[in-house]
C-alpha atoms as a PDB file:
ATOM      1  CA  MET A   1      11.966   5.432  34.809  1.00  0.00           C
ATOM      2  CA  ILE A   2       8.986   7.115  32.545  1.00  0.00           C
ATOM      3  CA  TYR A   3       7.120   5.297  30.627  1.00  0.00           C
ATOM      4  CA  PHE A   4       5.354   7.145  27.184  1.00  0.00           C
ATOM      5  CA  ASP A   5       3.354   4.489  26.067  1.00  0.00           C
ATOM      6  CA  ASN A   6      -0.334   6.536  26.249  1.00  0.00           C
ATOM      7  CA  ALA A   7      -1.598   5.055  22.597  1.00  0.00           C
ATOM      8  CA  SER A   8      -1.940   1.877  24.895  1.00  0.00           C
ATOM      9  CA  THR A   9      -4.897   3.079  26.701  1.00  0.00           C
ATOM     10  CA  SER A  10      -5.658   6.499  24.464  1.00  0.00           C
ATOM     11  CA  PHE A  11      -9.547   6.804  23.180  1.00  0.00           C
ATOM     12  CA  PRO A  12     -10.963   6.837  20.435  1.00  0.00           C
ATOM     13  CA  LYS A  13      -7.993   6.120  18.320  1.00  0.00           C
ATOM     14  CA  PRO A  14      -7.251   7.582  15.139  1.00  0.00           C
ATOM     15  CA  THR A  15      -9.733   6.545  11.997  1.00  0.00           C
ATOM     16  CA  GLU A  16      -5.937   6.084  10.759  1.00  0.00           C
ATOM     17  CA  VAL A  17      -4.766   3.384  13.156  1.00  0.00           C
ATOM     18  CA  ILE A  18      -7.587   1.467  13.234  1.00  0.00           C
ATOM     19  CA  ASP A  19      -7.647   0.892   9.212  1.00  0.00           C
ATOM     20  CA  GLY A  20      -3.820   0.244   8.916  1.00  0.00           C
ATOM     21  CA  VAL A  21      -4.790  -2.179  12.042  1.00  0.00           C
ATOM     22  CA  HIS A  22      -7.400  -3.505  10.283  1.00  0.00           C
ATOM     23  CA  ASN A  23      -5.387  -3.860   6.668  1.00  0.00           C
ATOM     24  CA  LEU A  24      -2.486  -5.372   8.272  1.00  0.00           C
ATOM     25  CA  ILE A  25      -4.300  -7.967  10.502  1.00  0.00           C
ATOM     26  CA  THR A  26      -6.544  -8.844   7.252  1.00  0.00           C
ATOM     27  CA  ASN A  27      -3.988  -9.089   4.317  1.00  0.00           C
ATOM     28  CA  ALA A  28      -1.117  -9.901   6.412  1.00  0.00           C
ATOM     29  CA  SER A  29       0.693 -13.147   6.987  1.00  0.00           C
ATOM     30  CA  GLY A  30       2.134 -14.077  10.261  1.00  0.00           C
ATOM     31  CA  ASN A  31       5.348 -12.022  11.891  1.00  0.00           C
ATOM     32  CA  ALA A  32       6.774  -9.823   9.370  1.00  0.00           C
ATOM     33  CA  MET A  33      10.388 -10.696  10.674  1.00  0.00           C
ATOM     34  CA  ARG A  34       9.760 -14.184  10.587  1.00  0.00           C
ATOM     35  CA  THR A  35       8.084 -14.389   6.842  1.00  0.00           C
ATOM     36  CA  THR A  36       9.191 -14.807   3.577  1.00  0.00           C
ATOM     37  CA  SER A  37       6.397 -11.807   2.421  1.00  0.00           C
ATOM     38  CA  THR A  38       8.694  -8.916   1.906  1.00  0.00           C
ATOM     39  CA  GLU A  39       5.637  -6.485   1.888  1.00  0.00           C
ATOM     40  CA  ASP A  40       4.478  -7.258   5.520  1.00  0.00           C
ATOM     41  CA  THR A  41       8.358  -6.630   6.190  1.00  0.00           C
ATOM     42  CA  ASP A  42       8.742  -3.497   4.042  1.00  0.00           C
ATOM     43  CA  ILE A  43       5.359  -2.158   6.029  1.00  0.00           C
ATOM     44  CA  VAL A  44       7.993  -2.747   9.580  1.00  0.00           C
ATOM     45  CA  PHE A  45      10.806  -0.584   7.601  1.00  0.00           C
ATOM     46  CA  GLU A  46       9.014   2.029   6.195  1.00  0.00           C
ATOM     47  CA  THR A  47       6.902   2.661   9.326  1.00  0.00           C
ATOM     48  CA  ARG A  48      10.526   2.637  11.154  1.00  0.00           C
ATOM     49  CA  LYS A  49      12.046   5.098   8.838  1.00  0.00           C
ATOM     50  CA  LYS A  50       8.464   8.060   9.466  1.00  0.00           C
ATOM     51  CA  TRP A  51       9.475   7.510  13.386  1.00  0.00           C
ATOM     52  CA  GLN A  52      13.031   8.116  13.018  1.00  0.00           C
ATOM     53  CA  ASN A  53      11.989  11.722  11.466  1.00  0.00           C
ATOM     54  CA  CYS A  54       9.984  12.580  13.994  1.00  0.00           C
END
């Protein structure tokens, strides 16, 4: 098995990643898949769509 998750150990993180995580932590309301907030859920699905096209 090959494990390709270098994002958890790479340093430094791109500014876009830091800003995105900070925004999510400060503005999101809990688990995106267990909340009534469609904005949080939309962020998850939009990100998944972007990664499908990579």
